[in-house]
Protein backbone atom coordinates (compact mmCIF):
# COMPACT_ATOMS: atom_id res chain seq x y z
CA MET A 1 -1.10 -11.77 22.36
CA VAL A 2 -3.87 -10.60 20.02
CA PHE A 3 -6.06 -7.81 21.36
CA ARG A 4 -9.76 -7.29 20.68
CA LEU A 5 -10.52 -3.66 19.94
CA PRO A 6 -13.36 -2.00 21.87
CA GLU A 7 -16.33 -0.98 19.76
CA ASP A 8 -16.92 2.32 21.56
CA GLU A 9 -13.38 3.73 21.52
CA VAL A 10 -10.84 4.38 18.75
CA VAL A 11 -7.62 3.00 20.23
CA PHE A 12 -4.88 0.50 19.38
CA PRO A 13 -2.44 -1.38 21.59
CA ASN A 14 1.30 -0.70 21.33
CA PRO A 15 2.49 -2.10 17.97
CA GLN A 16 5.48 -3.66 19.74
CA LEU A 17 3.04 -6.14 21.30
CA ALA A 18 2.19 -7.71 17.92
CA ASP A 19 2.64 -11.45 17.44
CA PRO A 20 5.73 -12.66 15.55
CA ASP A 21 3.70 -12.70 12.32
CA GLY A 22 2.66 -9.09 12.94
CA LEU A 23 -0.94 -9.70 14.00
CA LEU A 24 -1.78 -7.14 16.68
CA ALA A 25 -5.55 -6.88 17.09
CA ILE A 26 -8.94 -7.84 15.73
CA GLY A 27 -12.26 -6.04 15.60
CA GLY A 28 -13.17 -2.40 15.28
CA ASP A 29 -14.21 -0.86 11.97
CA LEU A 30 -12.75 0.81 8.88
CA LYS A 31 -13.94 4.33 9.55
CA ILE A 32 -11.58 7.17 8.69
CA ASP A 33 -10.56 8.08 12.24
CA ARG A 34 -9.61 4.49 13.08
CA LEU A 35 -7.76 3.95 9.80
CA LEU A 36 -5.76 7.16 10.21
CA LEU A 37 -4.84 6.31 13.79
CA ALA A 38 -3.72 2.88 12.62
CA TYR A 39 -1.47 4.18 9.85
CA GLU A 40 -0.05 6.88 12.11
CA ASN A 41 1.24 4.06 14.30
CA GLY A 42 2.45 1.70 11.59
CA ILE A 43 -0.64 -0.53 11.72
CA PHE A 44 -2.75 -1.66 8.76
CA PRO A 45 -5.83 -3.87 8.24
CA TRP A 46 -5.50 -7.16 6.37
CA PHE A 47 -8.22 -9.79 6.33
CA SER A 48 -10.30 -11.95 4.00
CA GLU A 49 -14.00 -11.83 3.20
CA GLY A 50 -16.01 -13.28 6.09
CA ASP A 51 -13.21 -12.89 8.64
CA PRO A 52 -13.11 -10.30 11.43
CA ILE A 53 -11.04 -7.20 10.72
CA CYS A 54 -7.42 -8.06 11.52
CA TRP A 55 -4.82 -5.36 12.24
CA TYR A 56 -1.12 -5.96 11.58
CA ALA A 57 2.07 -4.26 12.74
CA PRO A 58 5.03 -6.28 11.38
CA HIS A 59 8.19 -6.07 13.48
CA GLU A 60 10.14 -5.54 10.26
CA ARG A 61 8.87 -3.36 7.45
CA CYS A 62 9.49 -3.71 3.73
CA VAL A 63 10.20 -0.23 2.32
CA ILE A 64 11.69 1.52 -0.68
CA PHE A 65 13.76 4.66 -0.33
CA PRO A 66 12.78 6.52 -3.54
CA GLU A 67 16.32 7.57 -4.37
CA ARG A 68 17.44 3.92 -4.21
CA VAL A 69 14.78 2.41 -6.46
CA LYS A 70 16.37 0.07 -9.00
CA ILE A 71 15.53 0.66 -12.66
CA SER A 72 16.75 -2.08 -15.01
CA LYS A 73 17.95 -1.40 -18.55
CA SER A 74 14.77 -2.90 -19.97
CA MET A 75 12.67 -0.67 -17.72
CA ARG A 76 14.65 2.39 -18.78
CA LYS A 77 13.92 1.51 -22.39
CA LEU A 78 10.21 1.03 -21.65
CA LEU A 79 10.06 4.37 -19.87
CA GLY A 80 11.91 6.04 -22.73
CA ASP A 81 9.61 4.61 -25.39
CA GLY A 82 6.73 6.70 -24.10
CA LEU A 83 4.16 4.02 -24.88
CA LEU A 84 2.73 4.17 -21.35
CA GLU A 85 1.28 7.35 -19.85
CA VAL A 86 1.32 7.98 -16.10
CA THR A 87 -1.17 10.07 -14.13
CA PHE A 88 -1.73 10.70 -10.43
CA ASN A 89 -5.03 10.57 -8.54
CA LYS A 90 -7.10 10.51 -11.74
CA ALA A 91 -8.79 7.10 -11.34
CA PHE A 92 -8.40 6.00 -7.72
CA ALA A 93 -11.58 3.91 -7.63
CA ALA A 94 -10.69 2.14 -10.86
CA VAL A 95 -7.22 1.32 -9.55
CA ILE A 96 -8.49 -0.24 -6.33
CA VAL A 97 -11.13 -2.24 -8.22
CA ASN A 98 -8.48 -3.61 -10.57
CA CYS A 99 -6.18 -4.44 -7.64
CA ALA A 100 -9.05 -6.43 -6.14
CA LYS A 101 -9.87 -8.26 -9.38
CA VAL A 102 -6.42 -9.14 -10.71
CA GLU A 103 -5.40 -12.78 -10.24
CA ARG A 104 -2.27 -13.35 -8.19
CA LYS A 105 -0.04 -16.39 -7.99
CA ASP A 106 -0.84 -18.68 -5.03
CA GLN A 107 -3.69 -16.40 -3.93
CA PRO A 108 -7.15 -17.79 -4.67
CA GLY A 109 -9.11 -14.75 -3.54
CA THR A 110 -8.62 -11.12 -2.59
CA TRP A 111 -8.22 -9.32 0.71
CA ILE A 112 -9.47 -6.11 -0.95
CA THR A 113 -13.09 -6.76 -0.10
CA ASP A 114 -15.98 -4.44 -1.00
CA GLN A 115 -15.77 -3.12 2.56
CA MET A 116 -12.08 -2.32 2.10
CA GLN A 117 -12.69 -0.67 -1.27
CA ASP A 118 -15.38 1.60 0.16
CA ALA A 119 -13.17 2.55 3.12
CA TYR A 120 -10.16 3.53 1.00
CA ILE A 121 -12.23 5.36 -1.59
CA HIS A 122 -13.62 7.37 1.33
CA LEU A 123 -10.05 8.05 2.50
CA PHE A 124 -9.20 9.26 -1.01
CA GLU A 125 -12.23 11.55 -1.14
CA LYS A 126 -11.07 13.14 2.12
CA GLY A 127 -7.51 13.63 0.84
CA HIS A 128 -5.84 10.86 2.82
CA ALA A 129 -5.08 8.40 0.00
CA GLY A 130 -3.63 8.57 -3.48
CA SER A 131 -3.11 6.56 -6.63
CA VAL A 132 -0.82 6.27 -9.62
CA GLU A 133 -2.38 5.21 -12.93
CA VAL A 134 -0.67 3.77 -16.00
CA TRP A 135 -2.45 4.09 -19.36
CA GLN A 136 -1.92 2.55 -22.76
CA GLU A 137 -3.84 4.03 -25.68
CA GLY A 138 -6.38 5.47 -23.27
CA ASN A 139 -6.92 2.23 -21.34
CA LEU A 140 -5.99 1.75 -17.69
CA VAL A 141 -3.38 -1.03 -17.69
CA GLY A 142 -1.68 -0.68 -14.33
CA GLY A 143 -1.39 1.28 -11.15
CA LEU A 144 -1.08 1.37 -7.40
CA TYR A 145 -2.76 3.06 -4.44
CA GLY A 146 -1.92 3.85 -0.84
CA VAL A 147 -2.48 5.99 2.22
CA LEU A 148 -0.73 9.35 2.61
CA MET A 149 1.11 9.89 5.90
CA GLY A 150 3.17 13.05 5.55
CA ASP A 151 6.47 12.11 3.91
CA VAL A 152 5.50 8.42 3.78
CA PHE A 153 3.41 6.81 1.04
CA CYS A 154 1.88 3.71 2.63
CA GLY A 155 1.44 1.45 -0.37
CA GLU A 156 -1.49 -0.94 -0.29
CA SER A 157 -1.62 -2.80 -3.60
CA MET A 158 -0.69 -2.61 -7.28
CA PHE A 159 -1.75 -4.28 -10.49
CA SER A 160 -0.60 -4.83 -14.07
CA LEU A 161 -2.69 -5.77 -17.09
CA VAL A 162 0.33 -5.45 -19.38
CA SER A 163 3.93 -6.37 -18.65
CA ASN A 164 5.72 -4.12 -16.14
CA ALA A 165 2.88 -1.58 -15.78
CA SER A 166 2.97 -1.72 -11.97
CA LYS A 167 6.75 -1.19 -12.06
CA VAL A 168 6.19 1.93 -14.17
CA ALA A 169 3.72 3.19 -11.55
CA LEU A 170 6.12 2.56 -8.67
CA ILE A 171 9.05 4.20 -10.45
CA ALA A 172 6.89 7.21 -11.28
CA LEU A 173 5.89 7.51 -7.63
CA CYS A 174 9.54 7.41 -6.55
CA LYS A 175 10.50 10.05 -9.12
CA THR A 176 8.00 12.59 -7.78
CA GLU A 177 10.44 13.32 -4.92
CA ARG A 178 7.33 13.91 -2.81
CA TYR A 179 8.03 11.11 -0.32
CA LYS A 180 11.00 10.15 1.80
CA LEU A 181 9.79 6.58 2.09
CA ILE A 182 7.51 4.19 0.21
CA ASP A 183 6.03 1.65 2.62
CA CYS A 184 5.52 -1.75 0.98
CA GLN A 185 4.42 -3.47 4.22
CA LEU A 186 5.54 -7.03 3.41
CA PRO A 187 8.35 -8.23 1.11
CA ASN A 188 8.04 -10.16 -2.14
CA ASP A 189 10.43 -10.95 -4.97
CA HIS A 190 8.91 -8.26 -7.21
CA LEU A 191 9.56 -5.50 -4.66
CA MET A 192 12.98 -6.73 -3.58
CA SER A 193 14.13 -6.76 -7.21
CA MET A 194 13.31 -3.05 -7.36
CA GLY A 195 15.41 -2.15 -4.37
CA ALA A 196 13.07 -2.74 -1.45
CA GLU A 197 14.75 -3.38 1.89
CA MET A 198 13.76 -4.30 5.41
CA ILE A 199 13.87 -1.88 8.33
CA SER A 200 12.75 -2.23 11.94
CA MET A 201 9.35 -1.05 13.12
CA ALA A 202 11.11 1.52 15.32
CA GLU A 203 12.94 2.99 12.31
CA TYR A 204 9.74 2.98 10.28
CA GLN A 205 7.87 4.83 13.04
CA ASP A 206 10.61 7.47 13.11
CA PHE A 207 9.66 8.34 9.52
CA LEU A 208 5.98 8.52 10.48
CA ASN A 209 6.74 10.84 13.39
CA VAL A 210 8.86 13.38 11.50
């Protein structure tokens, strides 16, 4: 059953009531208080331009435990070469814009609408979101961004303009030892090859509630 959120109250239904595909509710807005309440409960917005705001709470979560991230020999060499520089929280807006613009296989458009970009930039300005940037000769060539929930980094999207730049960003995030868990939301081959695994929503919420 999909719930319609009230306009005059910041609430969400129990995430366990989400449909099999994870869709839990529609409606509401992307203001900071609603977004933070969503992420605190393992819920995130995901919708296309022109659609109502859709809120998801997958029954299984794709995550990476930082200490288990897989680094291939070729990636170790790339990291050792020092040709790519990594920074944190230096160009959040540029990262999210690039994530929105980059073309993705089998995805004709982007779910990172202007409305979403504004909302997450606002989260960043208030200290609730962060980014990792990858630079080559002074140019931004990759990165990722996400929402900060205590010991959990709730990853939203990543991009690469040169080969493996997003992998460099993810590995750098794992190596900070700042987070116990990197939330990847939904699985894909790219993430699974780097050591991502699936856990239950209940287990994921335990990390959020620590």
